[in-house]
Amino acid sequence: MKVILASDHGGINLSKEIISLLEELNIEYEDIGCGCEDSVDYPDYGIPAAERVASGEFDRGILICGTGIGMSIAANKVKGIRAALVHDVFSARATREHNDSNMITMGERVIGAGLAREIVKEWLGTEFQGGRHANRVGKLTDYENK
């Protein structure tokens, strides 16, 4: 599995925690920034990360900003992306099982490092259930392709 990671200035500290987790899990990743505490614009990081997931270069993506909301909106503008804003372990599992999410977003100002690590572990380790859920995800893809 290959994971792309991006954050804006509001998610830089949580991003470092997730990088540490990915290294512990021996998961191949690329961090595309921002790597700074200076104010930056989340679309400048979220959209390129989403494009690289949509292209198939990366299997999954993790985006972090202050709340996770801006990154979620940005990523979901990219055709083929199903980015879910996640702040609990149950939702992380459900968004993989039911929605086949290929990206998650989280907010550093909303959750702590320990919970974020558990969310990412659960999300990375959960498979899409398919079945009735595949039909629903297919409807989203059909709509995108209009």
C-alpha atoms as a PDB file:
ATOM      1  CA  MET A   1       0.000   0.000   0.000  1.00  0.00           C
ATOM      2  CA  LYS A   2       1.205   3.494  -0.871  1.00  0.00           C
ATOM      3  CA  VAL A   3      -0.147   6.484   1.058  1.00  0.00           C
ATOM      4  CA  ILE A   4       0.169  10.185   0.305  1.00  0.00           C
ATOM      5  CA  LEU A   5       0.004  12.629   3.190  1.00  0.00           C
ATOM      6  CA  ALA A   6      -0.542  16.386   3.128  1.00  0.00           C
ATOM      7  CA  SER A   7      -1.373  19.075   5.636  1.00  0.00           C
ATOM      8  CA  ASP A   8      -1.638  22.796   5.903  1.00  0.00           C
ATOM      9  CA  HIS A   9      -0.146  24.826   8.757  1.00  0.00           C
ATOM     10  CA  GLY A  10      -3.084  23.880  11.005  1.00  0.00           C
ATOM     11  CA  GLY A  11      -2.280  20.189  10.748  1.00  0.00           C
ATOM     12  CA  ILE A  12       1.510  20.117  10.815  1.00  0.00           C
ATOM     13  CA  ASN A  13       1.905  18.587  14.292  1.00  0.00           C
ATOM     14  CA  LEU A  14      -0.674  15.856  13.749  1.00  0.00           C
ATOM     15  CA  SER A  15       0.909  15.153  10.372  1.00  0.00           C
ATOM     16  CA  LYS A  16       4.208  14.402  12.118  1.00  0.00           C
ATOM     17  CA  GLU A  17       2.420  11.886  14.363  1.00  0.00           C
ATOM     18  CA  ILE A  18       0.889  10.148  11.371  1.00  0.00           C
ATOM     19  CA  ILE A  19       4.248  10.011   9.594  1.00  0.00           C
ATOM     20  CA  SER A  20       5.684   8.320  12.677  1.00  0.00           C
ATOM     21  CA  LEU A  21       2.835   5.789  12.637  1.00  0.00           C
ATOM     22  CA  LEU A  22       3.275   5.019   8.935  1.00  0.00           C
ATOM     23  CA  GLU A  23       6.973   4.412   9.543  1.00  0.00           C
ATOM     24  CA  GLU A  24       6.187   2.104  12.492  1.00  0.00           C
ATOM     25  CA  LEU A  25       3.772   0.159  10.269  1.00  0.00           C
ATOM     26  CA  ASN A  26       6.307   0.012   7.425  1.00  0.00           C
ATOM     27  CA  ILE A  27       3.829   1.624   5.055  1.00  0.00           C
ATOM     28  CA  GLU A  28       5.281   3.374   2.036  1.00  0.00           C
ATOM     29  CA  TYR A  29       4.286   7.038   2.029  1.00  0.00           C
ATOM     30  CA  GLU A  30       5.085  10.430   0.615  1.00  0.00           C
ATOM     31  CA  ASP A  31       4.551  13.640   2.567  1.00  0.00           C
ATOM     32  CA  ILE A  32       3.912  16.586   0.239  1.00  0.00           C
ATOM     33  CA  GLY A  33       3.755  19.251   2.905  1.00  0.00           C
ATOM     34  CA  CYS A  34       3.307  21.830   3.972  1.00  0.00           C
ATOM     35  CA  GLY A  35       5.937  21.185   6.614  1.00  0.00           C
ATOM     36  CA  CYS A  36       5.644  24.727   7.978  1.00  0.00           C
ATOM     37  CA  GLU A  37       3.768  26.743  10.542  1.00  0.00           C
ATOM     38  CA  ASP A  38       3.361  29.740   8.238  1.00  0.00           C
ATOM     39  CA  SER A  39      -0.166  30.252   6.961  1.00  0.00           C
ATOM     40  CA  VAL A  40      -0.789  28.407   3.678  1.00  0.00           C
ATOM     41  CA  ASP A  41      -3.907  27.584   1.678  1.00  0.00           C
ATOM     42  CA  TYR A  42      -5.222  24.031   2.176  1.00  0.00           C
ATOM     43  CA  PRO A  43      -6.315  23.576  -1.499  1.00  0.00           C
ATOM     44  CA  ASP A  44      -2.658  23.973  -2.534  1.00  0.00           C
ATOM     45  CA  TYR A  45      -1.883  20.714  -0.685  1.00  0.00           C
ATOM     46  CA  GLY A  46      -5.171  18.812  -0.597  1.00  0.00           C
ATOM     47  CA  ILE A  47      -5.955  18.963  -4.304  1.00  0.00           C
ATOM     48  CA  PRO A  48      -2.539  17.742  -5.551  1.00  0.00           C
ATOM     49  CA  ALA A  49      -2.654  14.870  -3.044  1.00  0.00           C
ATOM     50  CA  ALA A  50      -6.159  13.929  -4.190  1.00  0.00           C
ATOM     51  CA  GLU A  51      -5.112  14.060  -7.842  1.00  0.00           C
ATOM     52  CA  ARG A  52      -2.311  11.607  -7.139  1.00  0.00           C
ATOM     53  CA  VAL A  53      -4.711   9.191  -5.421  1.00  0.00           C
ATOM     54  CA  ALA A  54      -7.250   9.564  -8.248  1.00  0.00           C
ATOM     55  CA  SER A  55      -4.538   8.829 -10.824  1.00  0.00           C
ATOM     56  CA  GLY A  56      -3.663   5.564  -9.075  1.00  0.00           C
ATOM     57  CA  GLU A  57      -0.165   6.670  -8.119  1.00  0.00           C
ATOM     58  CA  PHE A  58      -1.182   6.221  -4.453  1.00  0.00           C
ATOM     59  CA  ASP A  59      -3.683   3.783  -2.988  1.00  0.00           C
ATOM     60  CA  ARG A  60      -4.867   6.087  -0.222  1.00  0.00           C
ATOM     61  CA  GLY A  61      -4.399   9.597   1.092  1.00  0.00           C
ATOM     62  CA  ILE A  62      -4.475  11.305   4.484  1.00  0.00           C
ATOM     63  CA  LEU A  63      -5.102  15.042   4.720  1.00  0.00           C
ATOM     64  CA  ILE A  64      -4.879  17.151   7.862  1.00  0.00           C
ATOM     65  CA  CYS A  65      -5.804  20.756   8.564  1.00  0.00           C
ATOM     66  CA  GLY A  66      -7.195  22.567  11.588  1.00  0.00           C
ATOM     67  CA  THR A  67     -10.653  20.990  11.423  1.00  0.00           C
ATOM     68  CA  GLY A  68     -10.363  18.570   8.493  1.00  0.00           C
ATOM     69  CA  ILE A  69     -13.276  20.320   6.791  1.00  0.00           C
ATOM     70  CA  GLY A  70     -11.339  22.413   4.274  1.00  0.00           C
ATOM     71  CA  MET A  71      -9.177  19.493   3.192  1.00  0.00           C
ATOM     72  CA  SER A  72     -12.287  17.310   2.800  1.00  0.00           C
ATOM     73  CA  ILE A  73     -13.983  19.869   0.587  1.00  0.00           C
ATOM     74  CA  ALA A  74     -10.835  20.342  -1.505  1.00  0.00           C
ATOM     75  CA  ALA A  75     -10.174  16.630  -2.000  1.00  0.00           C
ATOM     76  CA  ASN A  76     -13.759  15.859  -2.928  1.00  0.00           C
ATOM     77  CA  LYS A  77     -13.545  18.297  -5.843  1.00  0.00           C
ATOM     78  CA  VAL A  78     -11.262  15.784  -7.577  1.00  0.00           C
ATOM     79  CA  LYS A  79     -13.052  13.209  -9.734  1.00  0.00           C
ATOM     80  CA  GLY A  80     -12.654   9.717  -8.298  1.00  0.00           C
ATOM     81  CA  ILE A  81     -12.010  10.806  -4.734  1.00  0.00           C
ATOM     82  CA  ARG A  82     -14.136   9.743  -1.811  1.00  0.00           C
ATOM     83  CA  ALA A  83     -12.601  11.676   1.079  1.00  0.00           C
ATOM     84  CA  ALA A  84     -14.229  11.264   4.469  1.00  0.00           C
ATOM     85  CA  LEU A  85     -13.833  13.617   7.397  1.00  0.00           C
ATOM     86  CA  VAL A  86     -13.141  11.279  10.323  1.00  0.00           C
ATOM     87  CA  HIS A  87     -12.768  12.033  14.018  1.00  0.00           C
ATOM     88  CA  ASP A  88     -13.554   8.627  15.551  1.00  0.00           C
ATOM     89  CA  VAL A  89     -12.531   5.000  15.022  1.00  0.00           C
ATOM     90  CA  PHE A  90     -16.035   3.741  14.194  1.00  0.00           C
ATOM     91  CA  SER A  91     -16.397   6.217  11.329  1.00  0.00           C
ATOM     92  CA  ALA A  92     -12.932   5.321  10.038  1.00  0.00           C
ATOM     93  CA  ARG A  93     -13.961   1.670   9.796  1.00  0.00           C
ATOM     94  CA  ALA A  94     -17.406   2.449   8.358  1.00  0.00           C
ATOM     95  CA  THR A  95     -16.113   4.761   5.662  1.00  0.00           C
ATOM     96  CA  ARG A  96     -13.868   2.001   4.341  1.00  0.00           C
ATOM     97  CA  GLU A  97     -16.419  -0.799   4.699  1.00  0.00           C
ATOM     98  CA  HIS A  98     -19.401   1.110   3.299  1.00  0.00           C
ATOM     99  CA  ASN A  99     -18.041   4.001   1.211  1.00  0.00           C
ATOM    100  CA  ASP A 100     -14.729   2.624  -0.086  1.00  0.00           C
ATOM    101  CA  SER A 101     -13.124   5.921   0.922  1.00  0.00           C
ATOM    102  CA  ASN A 102      -9.731   6.438  -0.631  1.00  0.00           C
ATOM    103  CA  MET A 103      -8.845   9.462   1.496  1.00  0.00           C
ATOM    104  CA  ILE A 104      -9.511  10.602   5.027  1.00  0.00           C
ATOM    105  CA  THR A 105      -9.239  14.038   6.505  1.00  0.00           C
ATOM    106  CA  MET A 106      -8.739  14.939  10.136  1.00  0.00           C
ATOM    107  CA  GLY A 107      -8.520  18.106  12.191  1.00  0.00           C
ATOM    108  CA  GLU A 108      -5.585  18.748  14.494  1.00  0.00           C
ATOM    109  CA  ARG A 109      -7.656  21.241  16.493  1.00  0.00           C
ATOM    110  CA  VAL A 110     -10.383  18.625  16.948  1.00  0.00           C
ATOM    111  CA  ILE A 111      -8.614  15.389  17.936  1.00  0.00           C
ATOM    112  CA  GLY A 112      -5.427  14.400  19.690  1.00  0.00           C
ATOM    113  CA  ALA A 113      -2.494  12.403  18.412  1.00  0.00           C
ATOM    114  CA  GLY A 114      -3.427   9.127  20.116  1.00  0.00           C
ATOM    115  CA  LEU A 115      -6.912   9.061  18.650  1.00  0.00           C
ATOM    116  CA  ALA A 116      -5.602  10.099  15.218  1.00  0.00           C
ATOM    117  CA  ARG A 117      -3.174   7.189  15.233  1.00  0.00           C
ATOM    118  CA  GLU A 118      -5.976   4.742  16.103  1.00  0.00           C
ATOM    119  CA  ILE A 119      -8.176   6.197  13.362  1.00  0.00           C
ATOM    120  CA  VAL A 120      -5.452   5.802  10.742  1.00  0.00           C
ATOM    121  CA  LYS A 121      -4.626   2.240  11.840  1.00  0.00           C
ATOM    122  CA  GLU A 122      -8.288   1.249  11.644  1.00  0.00           C
ATOM    123  CA  TRP A 123      -8.817   2.954   8.279  1.00  0.00           C
ATOM    124  CA  LEU A 124      -5.704   1.469   6.697  1.00  0.00           C
ATOM    125  CA  GLY A 125      -6.560  -2.008   7.968  1.00  0.00           C
ATOM    126  CA  THR A 126     -10.195  -2.080   6.867  1.00  0.00           C
ATOM    127  CA  GLU A 127     -11.363  -3.422   3.515  1.00  0.00           C
ATOM    128  CA  PHE A 128     -14.377  -2.356   1.441  1.00  0.00           C
ATOM    129  CA  GLN A 129     -17.288  -4.779   2.000  1.00  0.00           C
ATOM    130  CA  GLY A 130     -18.707  -4.469  -1.501  1.00  0.00           C
ATOM    131  CA  GLY A 131     -22.141  -6.057  -1.867  1.00  0.00           C
ATOM    132  CA  ARG A 132     -24.970  -3.567  -1.491  1.00  0.00           C
ATOM    133  CA  HIS A 133     -22.385  -0.884  -0.769  1.00  0.00           C
ATOM    134  CA  ALA A 134     -20.769  -1.355  -4.186  1.00  0.00           C
ATOM    135  CA  ASN A 135     -24.061  -0.362  -5.814  1.00  0.00           C
ATOM    136  CA  ARG A 136     -24.137   2.853  -3.792  1.00  0.00           C
ATOM    137  CA  VAL A 137     -20.523   3.744  -4.538  1.00  0.00           C
ATOM    138  CA  GLY A 138     -21.233   2.932  -8.175  1.00  0.00           C
ATOM    139  CA  LYS A 139     -24.003   5.524  -8.220  1.00  0.00           C
ATOM    140  CA  LEU A 140     -21.495   8.143  -7.086  1.00  0.00           C
ATOM    141  CA  THR A 141     -19.090   7.128  -9.835  1.00  0.00           C
ATOM    142  CA  ASP A 142     -21.883   7.201 -12.413  1.00  0.00           C
ATOM    143  CA  TYR A 143     -22.830  10.720 -11.322  1.00  0.00           C
ATOM    144  CA  GLU A 144     -19.219  11.888 -11.575  1.00  0.00           C
ATOM    145  CA  ASN A 145     -18.988  10.493 -15.102  1.00  0.00           C
ATOM    146  CA  LYS A 146     -22.040  12.367 -16.451  1.00  0.00           C
END
